[in-house]
């Protein structure tokens, strides 16, 4: 099988990046610092370049503001969500400040990110009933409630390897990488092109990666040089591979 790599850029959005103000509602320390490396990767000849966005309705279940006191403290309180289609299946989730609300500045990808180089954007977290850290779908299995279609997009393009970067390393990057590996793609996380909500959690995240076969690499790793040294591809070629010729990058 020929080597066909995809770059998945997770949630590099205003609300996940300092400064905290009109935007930055859930800012990850040094979140903007990873953009130069990601822009460099966007120049590499990946078969497919994907960006993901948290894109929540205002009444999303993960927002602390949608729960009653005293159990509604952002970052501290948790809430047990039942699968809407199978109430016996439950997932515990942390409550967060309102963030990446549809139609707000905070939901937008960073202006310094070279979005014109992206082939496909995945919007996630749109179902108010479930949390969705992974770009592939929510954590429920019996059945999954909200799937993004990303796995099918990658398969249609013949992708063999997925390289994950973005925010946050201990939440959406982690769950996206683990799901990519479970979907059958050899998955690489570029550690120095991610940042975490809680950096102290990353040792445990790396253990989870090891358990499923995800590999953490640096931005100068030979695996990325392998991508860089491929023949250059055009976005037209990428669109043809994915069956998206003529579609907007933001479709």
C-alpha atoms as a PDB file:
ATOM      1  CA  UNK A   1       0.000   0.000   0.000  1.00  0.00           C
ATOM      2  CA  UNK A   2       1.344   3.434  -0.929  1.00  0.00           C
ATOM      3  CA  UNK A   3       1.990   5.999   1.797  1.00  0.00           C
ATOM      4  CA  UNK A   4      -0.880   8.507   1.957  1.00  0.00           C
ATOM      5  CA  UNK A   5      -0.660  10.814   4.984  1.00  0.00           C
ATOM      6  CA  UNK A   6      -3.302  13.184   6.332  1.00  0.00           C
ATOM      7  CA  UNK A   7      -2.792  16.168   8.616  1.00  0.00           C
ATOM      8  CA  UNK A   8      -5.555  16.696  11.202  1.00  0.00           C
ATOM      9  CA  UNK A   9      -5.448  20.113  12.886  1.00  0.00           C
ATOM     10  CA  UNK A  10      -7.613  20.001  15.991  1.00  0.00           C
ATOM     11  CA  UNK A  11      -9.561  23.036  17.237  1.00  0.00           C
ATOM     12  CA  UNK A  12      -7.070  25.858  16.642  1.00  0.00           C
ATOM     13  CA  UNK A  13      -9.808  28.370  17.450  1.00  0.00           C
ATOM     14  CA  UNK A  14     -10.079  31.772  19.095  1.00  0.00           C
ATOM     15  CA  UNK A  15     -11.783  30.504  22.253  1.00  0.00           C
ATOM     16  CA  UNK A  16      -8.977  28.010  22.895  1.00  0.00           C
ATOM     17  CA  UNK A  17      -6.218  30.624  22.642  1.00  0.00           C
ATOM     18  CA  UNK A  18      -5.040  33.579  24.741  1.00  0.00           C
ATOM     19  CA  UNK A  19      -5.620  36.395  25.315  1.00  0.00           C
ATOM     20  CA  UNK A  20      -8.737  35.914  27.410  1.00  0.00           C
ATOM     21  CA  UNK A  21     -11.225  38.658  26.630  1.00  0.00           C
ATOM     22  CA  UNK A  22     -13.892  38.801  23.977  1.00  0.00           C
ATOM     23  CA  UNK A  23     -12.466  35.454  22.857  1.00  0.00           C
ATOM     24  CA  UNK A  24     -10.296  32.963  24.735  1.00  0.00           C
ATOM     25  CA  UNK A  25     -13.159  31.670  26.891  1.00  0.00           C
ATOM     26  CA  UNK A  26     -11.331  28.355  27.365  1.00  0.00           C
ATOM     27  CA  UNK A  27      -7.820  29.515  26.557  1.00  0.00           C
ATOM     28  CA  UNK A  28      -5.020  26.950  26.571  1.00  0.00           C
ATOM     29  CA  UNK A  29      -1.707  28.435  27.714  1.00  0.00           C
ATOM     30  CA  UNK A  30       0.616  29.070  24.747  1.00  0.00           C
ATOM     31  CA  UNK A  31      -2.119  27.930  22.368  1.00  0.00           C
ATOM     32  CA  UNK A  32      -1.126  30.410  19.677  1.00  0.00           C
ATOM     33  CA  UNK A  33       2.520  29.374  19.842  1.00  0.00           C
ATOM     34  CA  UNK A  34       1.889  26.182  17.874  1.00  0.00           C
ATOM     35  CA  UNK A  35       0.576  27.954  14.763  1.00  0.00           C
ATOM     36  CA  UNK A  36       3.951  28.558  13.039  1.00  0.00           C
ATOM     37  CA  UNK A  37       4.746  24.838  13.159  1.00  0.00           C
ATOM     38  CA  UNK A  38       1.275  23.933  11.879  1.00  0.00           C
ATOM     39  CA  UNK A  39       1.584  26.436   9.035  1.00  0.00           C
ATOM     40  CA  UNK A  40       4.869  24.800   8.106  1.00  0.00           C
ATOM     41  CA  UNK A  41       3.154  21.391   8.005  1.00  0.00           C
ATOM     42  CA  UNK A  42       0.434  22.874   5.795  1.00  0.00           C
ATOM     43  CA  UNK A  43       3.132  23.428   3.165  1.00  0.00           C
ATOM     44  CA  UNK A  44       3.963  19.703   3.167  1.00  0.00           C
ATOM     45  CA  UNK A  45       2.414  17.467   0.488  1.00  0.00           C
ATOM     46  CA  UNK A  46      -0.115  15.685   2.703  1.00  0.00           C
ATOM     47  CA  UNK A  47      -2.726  13.806   0.705  1.00  0.00           C
ATOM     48  CA  UNK A  48      -5.410  15.484   2.819  1.00  0.00           C
ATOM     49  CA  UNK A  49      -5.321  18.418   5.246  1.00  0.00           C
ATOM     50  CA  UNK A  50      -8.207  18.608   7.710  1.00  0.00           C
ATOM     51  CA  UNK A  51      -9.053  21.219  10.334  1.00  0.00           C
ATOM     52  CA  UNK A  52     -11.603  20.593  13.066  1.00  0.00           C
ATOM     53  CA  UNK A  53     -13.757  23.088  14.951  1.00  0.00           C
ATOM     54  CA  UNK A  54     -15.733  22.849  18.145  1.00  0.00           C
ATOM     55  CA  UNK A  55     -19.065  24.337  17.046  1.00  0.00           C
ATOM     56  CA  UNK A  56     -21.532  24.255  19.925  1.00  0.00           C
ATOM     57  CA  UNK A  57     -25.124  25.458  20.260  1.00  0.00           C
ATOM     58  CA  UNK A  58     -25.663  27.804  23.211  1.00  0.00           C
ATOM     59  CA  UNK A  59     -27.554  25.139  25.144  1.00  0.00           C
ATOM     60  CA  UNK A  60     -24.793  22.537  24.892  1.00  0.00           C
ATOM     61  CA  UNK A  61     -24.713  20.011  27.717  1.00  0.00           C
ATOM     62  CA  UNK A  62     -21.027  20.621  28.502  1.00  0.00           C
ATOM     63  CA  UNK A  63     -21.539  24.299  29.377  1.00  0.00           C
ATOM     64  CA  UNK A  64     -21.583  24.921  33.123  1.00  0.00           C
ATOM     65  CA  UNK A  65     -24.005  27.798  32.516  1.00  0.00           C
ATOM     66  CA  UNK A  66     -26.646  25.274  31.446  1.00  0.00           C
ATOM     67  CA  UNK A  67     -26.573  23.456  34.803  1.00  0.00           C
ATOM     68  CA  UNK A  68     -27.843  24.390  38.258  1.00  0.00           C
ATOM     69  CA  UNK A  69     -25.764  25.533  41.219  1.00  0.00           C
ATOM     70  CA  UNK A  70     -23.892  24.387  43.158  1.00  0.00           C
ATOM     71  CA  UNK A  71     -22.777  21.667  40.731  1.00  0.00           C
ATOM     72  CA  UNK A  72     -21.998  23.975  37.837  1.00  0.00           C
ATOM     73  CA  UNK A  73     -18.456  25.186  38.411  1.00  0.00           C
ATOM     74  CA  UNK A  74     -16.464  25.402  35.165  1.00  0.00           C
ATOM     75  CA  UNK A  75     -13.353  23.174  35.169  1.00  0.00           C
ATOM     76  CA  UNK A  76     -14.381  21.564  38.478  1.00  0.00           C
ATOM     77  CA  UNK A  77     -17.890  20.124  38.228  1.00  0.00           C
ATOM     78  CA  UNK A  78     -18.710  17.003  36.247  1.00  0.00           C
ATOM     79  CA  UNK A  79     -21.970  15.695  34.828  1.00  0.00           C
ATOM     80  CA  UNK A  80     -23.106  12.211  33.839  1.00  0.00           C
ATOM     81  CA  UNK A  81     -24.591  12.084  30.336  1.00  0.00           C
ATOM     82  CA  UNK A  82     -26.856   9.211  29.317  1.00  0.00           C
ATOM     83  CA  UNK A  83     -26.855   8.022  25.723  1.00  0.00           C
ATOM     84  CA  UNK A  84     -30.085   9.473  24.249  1.00  0.00           C
ATOM     85  CA  UNK A  85     -30.618   6.218  22.332  1.00  0.00           C
ATOM     86  CA  UNK A  86     -29.555   3.863  25.126  1.00  0.00           C
ATOM     87  CA  UNK A  87     -29.985   5.401  28.608  1.00  0.00           C
ATOM     88  CA  UNK A  88     -28.109   2.549  30.275  1.00  0.00           C
ATOM     89  CA  UNK A  89     -24.888   3.688  28.581  1.00  0.00           C
ATOM     90  CA  UNK A  90     -23.419   6.655  30.435  1.00  0.00           C
ATOM     91  CA  UNK A  91     -20.398   8.941  30.160  1.00  0.00           C
ATOM     92  CA  UNK A  92     -19.099  11.410  32.735  1.00  0.00           C
ATOM     93  CA  UNK A  93     -17.965  14.762  31.347  1.00  0.00           C
ATOM     94  CA  UNK A  94     -16.352  17.859  32.797  1.00  0.00           C
ATOM     95  CA  UNK A  95     -18.275  21.131  32.671  1.00  0.00           C
ATOM     96  CA  UNK A  96     -16.677  24.051  30.838  1.00  0.00           C
ATOM     97  CA  UNK A  97     -17.187  27.768  30.327  1.00  0.00           C
ATOM     98  CA  UNK A  98     -19.311  28.569  27.282  1.00  0.00           C
ATOM     99  CA  UNK A  99     -16.941  28.284  24.321  1.00  0.00           C
ATOM    100  CA  UNK A 100     -16.881  28.008  20.531  1.00  0.00           C
ATOM    101  CA  UNK A 101     -20.559  28.917  20.295  1.00  0.00           C
ATOM    102  CA  UNK A 102     -21.911  28.820  16.760  1.00  0.00           C
ATOM    103  CA  UNK A 103     -21.830  32.226  15.108  1.00  0.00           C
ATOM    104  CA  UNK A 104     -19.401  33.809  17.576  1.00  0.00           C
ATOM    105  CA  UNK A 105     -15.867  35.090  17.027  1.00  0.00           C
ATOM    106  CA  UNK A 106     -14.644  32.537  19.536  1.00  0.00           C
ATOM    107  CA  UNK A 107     -15.652  29.662  17.272  1.00  0.00           C
ATOM    108  CA  UNK A 108     -13.489  30.874  14.384  1.00  0.00           C
ATOM    109  CA  UNK A 109     -10.188  29.345  13.371  1.00  0.00           C
ATOM    110  CA  UNK A 110      -7.241  31.609  14.185  1.00  0.00           C
ATOM    111  CA  UNK A 111      -6.620  34.222  11.486  1.00  0.00           C
ATOM    112  CA  UNK A 112      -2.897  33.434  11.517  1.00  0.00           C
ATOM    113  CA  UNK A 113      -3.605  29.804  10.591  1.00  0.00           C
ATOM    114  CA  UNK A 114      -3.213  29.300   6.824  1.00  0.00           C
ATOM    115  CA  UNK A 115      -6.751  28.020   6.332  1.00  0.00           C
ATOM    116  CA  UNK A 116      -6.509  28.399   2.556  1.00  0.00           C
ATOM    117  CA  UNK A 117      -4.206  25.362   2.598  1.00  0.00           C
ATOM    118  CA  UNK A 118      -6.863  23.208   4.324  1.00  0.00           C
ATOM    119  CA  UNK A 119      -8.877  20.787   2.190  1.00  0.00           C
ATOM    120  CA  UNK A 120     -11.713  19.960   4.576  1.00  0.00           C
ATOM    121  CA  UNK A 121     -13.189  21.372   7.805  1.00  0.00           C
ATOM    122  CA  UNK A 122     -14.989  19.176  10.350  1.00  0.00           C
ATOM    123  CA  UNK A 123     -17.427  20.888  12.722  1.00  0.00           C
ATOM    124  CA  UNK A 124     -18.033  18.891  15.899  1.00  0.00           C
ATOM    125  CA  UNK A 125     -20.007  19.189  19.114  1.00  0.00           C
ATOM    126  CA  UNK A 126     -23.145  20.378  17.350  1.00  0.00           C
ATOM    127  CA  UNK A 127     -25.495  17.950  19.105  1.00  0.00           C
ATOM    128  CA  UNK A 128     -26.438  19.646  22.375  1.00  0.00           C
ATOM    129  CA  UNK A 129     -27.093  16.300  24.081  1.00  0.00           C
ATOM    130  CA  UNK A 130     -23.575  14.838  23.984  1.00  0.00           C
ATOM    131  CA  UNK A 131     -19.937  15.788  24.487  1.00  0.00           C
ATOM    132  CA  UNK A 132     -17.713  15.265  21.458  1.00  0.00           C
ATOM    133  CA  UNK A 133     -13.990  15.653  22.063  1.00  0.00           C
ATOM    134  CA  UNK A 134     -13.015  13.406  19.156  1.00  0.00           C
ATOM    135  CA  UNK A 135     -13.204  14.671  15.583  1.00  0.00           C
ATOM    136  CA  UNK A 136     -14.663  11.268  14.659  1.00  0.00           C
ATOM    137  CA  UNK A 137     -17.677  11.130  16.962  1.00  0.00           C
ATOM    138  CA  UNK A 138     -19.004  11.206  20.501  1.00  0.00           C
ATOM    139  CA  UNK A 139     -17.772   8.585  23.014  1.00  0.00           C
ATOM    140  CA  UNK A 140     -20.946   6.506  23.049  1.00  0.00           C
ATOM    141  CA  UNK A 141     -20.663   3.095  21.405  1.00  0.00           C
ATOM    142  CA  UNK A 142     -24.115   1.504  21.678  1.00  0.00           C
ATOM    143  CA  UNK A 143     -24.840   3.405  19.478  1.00  0.00           C
ATOM    144  CA  UNK A 144     -22.677   6.422  18.675  1.00  0.00           C
ATOM    145  CA  UNK A 145     -24.976   9.456  18.612  1.00  0.00           C
ATOM    146  CA  UNK A 146     -23.040  11.998  16.527  1.00  0.00           C
ATOM    147  CA  UNK A 147     -20.560  10.932  13.850  1.00  0.00           C
ATOM    148  CA  UNK A 148     -18.670  13.518  11.815  1.00  0.00           C
ATOM    149  CA  UNK A 149     -17.968  11.419   8.739  1.00  0.00           C
ATOM    150  CA  UNK A 150     -14.219  12.011   9.113  1.00  0.00           C
ATOM    151  CA  UNK A 151     -13.361   8.301   9.037  1.00  0.00           C
ATOM    152  CA  UNK A 152     -15.175   7.914   5.728  1.00  0.00           C
ATOM    153  CA  UNK A 153     -13.460  11.009   4.303  1.00  0.00           C
ATOM    154  CA  UNK A 154     -10.040   9.617   5.218  1.00  0.00           C
ATOM    155  CA  UNK A 155     -10.833   6.201   3.776  1.00  0.00           C
ATOM    156  CA  UNK A 156     -12.156   7.686   0.558  1.00  0.00           C
ATOM    157  CA  UNK A 157      -8.815   9.460   0.133  1.00  0.00           C
ATOM    158  CA  UNK A 158      -6.942   6.194   0.765  1.00  0.00           C
ATOM    159  CA  UNK A 159      -5.235   7.610   3.851  1.00  0.00           C
ATOM    160  CA  UNK A 160      -2.758   5.303   5.590  1.00  0.00           C
ATOM    161  CA  UNK A 161      -1.282   7.606   8.250  1.00  0.00           C
ATOM    162  CA  UNK A 162      -2.804  10.417  10.314  1.00  0.00           C
ATOM    163  CA  UNK A 163      -0.697  13.186  11.880  1.00  0.00           C
ATOM    164  CA  UNK A 164      -2.521  15.042  14.660  1.00  0.00           C
ATOM    165  CA  UNK A 165      -1.707  18.535  15.961  1.00  0.00           C
ATOM    166  CA  UNK A 166      -3.660  21.242  17.788  1.00  0.00           C
ATOM    167  CA  UNK A 167      -5.629  21.835  20.981  1.00  0.00           C
ATOM    168  CA  UNK A 168      -5.950  20.616  23.559  1.00  0.00           C
ATOM    169  CA  UNK A 169      -3.453  17.814  24.000  1.00  0.00           C
ATOM    170  CA  UNK A 170      -5.227  16.245  26.955  1.00  0.00           C
ATOM    171  CA  UNK A 171      -8.746  16.400  25.485  1.00  0.00           C
ATOM    172  CA  UNK A 172      -9.675  16.774  21.815  1.00  0.00           C
ATOM    173  CA  UNK A 173      -6.227  15.942  20.425  1.00  0.00           C
ATOM    174  CA  UNK A 174      -6.049  12.849  22.618  1.00  0.00           C
ATOM    175  CA  UNK A 175      -9.495  11.541  21.737  1.00  0.00           C
ATOM    176  CA  UNK A 176      -9.060  12.294  18.035  1.00  0.00           C
ATOM    177  CA  UNK A 177      -5.711  10.497  17.896  1.00  0.00           C
ATOM    178  CA  UNK A 178      -6.969   7.443  19.768  1.00  0.00           C
ATOM    179  CA  UNK A 179     -10.039   7.188  17.546  1.00  0.00           C
ATOM    180  CA  UNK A 180      -7.919   7.585  14.404  1.00  0.00           C
ATOM    181  CA  UNK A 181      -5.768   4.657  15.499  1.00  0.00           C
ATOM    182  CA  UNK A 182      -8.838   2.571  16.348  1.00  0.00           C
ATOM    183  CA  UNK A 183     -10.270   3.356  12.906  1.00  0.00           C
ATOM    184  CA  UNK A 184      -7.243   1.643  11.395  1.00  0.00           C
ATOM    185  CA  UNK A 185      -4.986   4.576  10.519  1.00  0.00           C
ATOM    186  CA  UNK A 186      -1.403   4.597  11.786  1.00  0.00           C
ATOM    187  CA  UNK A 187      -1.525   7.667  13.993  1.00  0.00           C
ATOM    188  CA  UNK A 188       1.200  10.108  14.970  1.00  0.00           C
ATOM    189  CA  UNK A 189       0.799  13.009  17.409  1.00  0.00           C
ATOM    190  CA  UNK A 190       3.269  15.860  16.928  1.00  0.00           C
ATOM    191  CA  UNK A 191       3.842  16.649  20.583  1.00  0.00           C
ATOM    192  CA  UNK A 192       5.457  20.049  20.161  1.00  0.00           C
ATOM    193  CA  UNK A 193       2.583  21.181  17.939  1.00  0.00           C
ATOM    194  CA  UNK A 194       0.031  20.643  20.718  1.00  0.00           C
ATOM    195  CA  UNK A 195      -0.653  22.281  24.077  1.00  0.00           C
ATOM    196  CA  UNK A 196      -2.636  20.932  27.038  1.00  0.00           C
ATOM    197  CA  UNK A 197      -5.245  22.350  29.400  1.00  0.00           C
ATOM    198  CA  UNK A 198      -3.366  20.534  32.185  1.00  0.00           C
ATOM    199  CA  UNK A 199       0.252  19.796  31.197  1.00  0.00           C
ATOM    200  CA  UNK A 200       0.619  17.500  34.214  1.00  0.00           C
ATOM    201  CA  UNK A 201      -1.941  15.163  32.610  1.00  0.00           C
ATOM    202  CA  UNK A 202       0.228  14.466  29.579  1.00  0.00           C
ATOM    203  CA  UNK A 203       2.170  11.605  31.154  1.00  0.00           C
ATOM    204  CA  UNK A 204      -1.110   9.732  31.521  1.00  0.00           C
ATOM    205  CA  UNK A 205      -2.140  10.703  27.987  1.00  0.00           C
ATOM    206  CA  UNK A 206       1.085   9.208  26.632  1.00  0.00           C
ATOM    207  CA  UNK A 207       0.350   5.977  28.486  1.00  0.00           C
ATOM    208  CA  UNK A 208      -3.069   5.852  26.837  1.00  0.00           C
ATOM    209  CA  UNK A 209      -1.421   6.389  23.471  1.00  0.00           C
ATOM    210  CA  UNK A 210       0.947   3.511  24.102  1.00  0.00           C
ATOM    211  CA  UNK A 211      -1.935   1.195  24.954  1.00  0.00           C
ATOM    212  CA  UNK A 212      -3.580   1.674  21.540  1.00  0.00           C
ATOM    213  CA  UNK A 213      -0.512   2.193  19.347  1.00  0.00           C
ATOM    214  CA  UNK A 214      -0.470   5.974  18.838  1.00  0.00           C
ATOM    215  CA  UNK A 215       3.098   7.310  18.492  1.00  0.00           C
ATOM    216  CA  UNK A 216       4.215  10.727  19.759  1.00  0.00           C
ATOM    217  CA  UNK A 217       6.863  12.455  17.646  1.00  0.00           C
ATOM    218  CA  UNK A 218       8.554  15.857  17.428  1.00  0.00           C
ATOM    219  CA  UNK A 219       8.232  18.351  14.601  1.00  0.00           C
ATOM    220  CA  UNK A 220      11.701  17.435  13.307  1.00  0.00           C
ATOM    221  CA  UNK A 221      11.049  13.686  13.393  1.00  0.00           C
ATOM    222  CA  UNK A 222      11.926  11.500  10.410  1.00  0.00           C
ATOM    223  CA  UNK A 223       8.224  10.657  10.022  1.00  0.00           C
ATOM    224  CA  UNK A 224       7.447  14.266   9.124  1.00  0.00           C
ATOM    225  CA  UNK A 225      10.473  14.465   6.849  1.00  0.00           C
ATOM    226  CA  UNK A 226       9.013  11.445   5.063  1.00  0.00           C
ATOM    227  CA  UNK A 227       5.889  13.502   4.388  1.00  0.00           C
ATOM    228  CA  UNK A 228       7.835  16.611   3.428  1.00  0.00           C
ATOM    229  CA  UNK A 229      10.011  14.756   0.928  1.00  0.00           C
ATOM    230  CA  UNK A 230       7.096  13.336  -1.062  1.00  0.00           C
ATOM    231  CA  UNK A 231       6.300  14.818  -4.478  1.00  0.00           C
ATOM    232  CA  UNK A 232       4.283  18.019  -4.106  1.00  0.00           C
ATOM    233  CA  UNK A 233       0.519  17.734  -4.493  1.00  0.00           C
ATOM    234  CA  UNK A 234      -1.976  20.407  -5.481  1.00  0.00           C
ATOM    235  CA  UNK A 235      -5.271  21.023  -3.725  1.00  0.00           C
ATOM    236  CA  UNK A 236      -6.933  20.037  -7.009  1.00  0.00           C
ATOM    237  CA  UNK A 237      -5.299  16.606  -6.744  1.00  0.00           C
ATOM    238  CA  UNK A 238      -6.402  16.321  -3.127  1.00  0.00           C
ATOM    239  CA  UNK A 239      -9.970  17.301  -4.024  1.00  0.00           C
ATOM    240  CA  UNK A 240     -10.024  14.667  -6.756  1.00  0.00           C
ATOM    241  CA  UNK A 241      -8.844  11.994  -4.294  1.00  0.00           C
ATOM    242  CA  UNK A 242     -11.564  12.864  -1.803  1.00  0.00           C
ATOM    243  CA  UNK A 243     -14.342  13.413  -4.329  1.00  0.00           C
ATOM    244  CA  UNK A 244     -14.652  17.051  -3.228  1.00  0.00           C
ATOM    245  CA  UNK A 245     -13.737  18.805  -6.484  1.00  0.00           C
ATOM    246  CA  UNK A 246     -15.516  22.145  -6.716  1.00  0.00           C
ATOM    247  CA  UNK A 247     -16.463  22.283  -3.013  1.00  0.00           C
ATOM    248  CA  UNK A 248     -15.494  25.099  -0.683  1.00  0.00           C
ATOM    249  CA  UNK A 249     -12.831  24.451   1.924  1.00  0.00           C
ATOM    250  CA  UNK A 250     -15.427  25.384   4.554  1.00  0.00           C
ATOM    251  CA  UNK A 251     -18.088  22.937   3.346  1.00  0.00           C
END
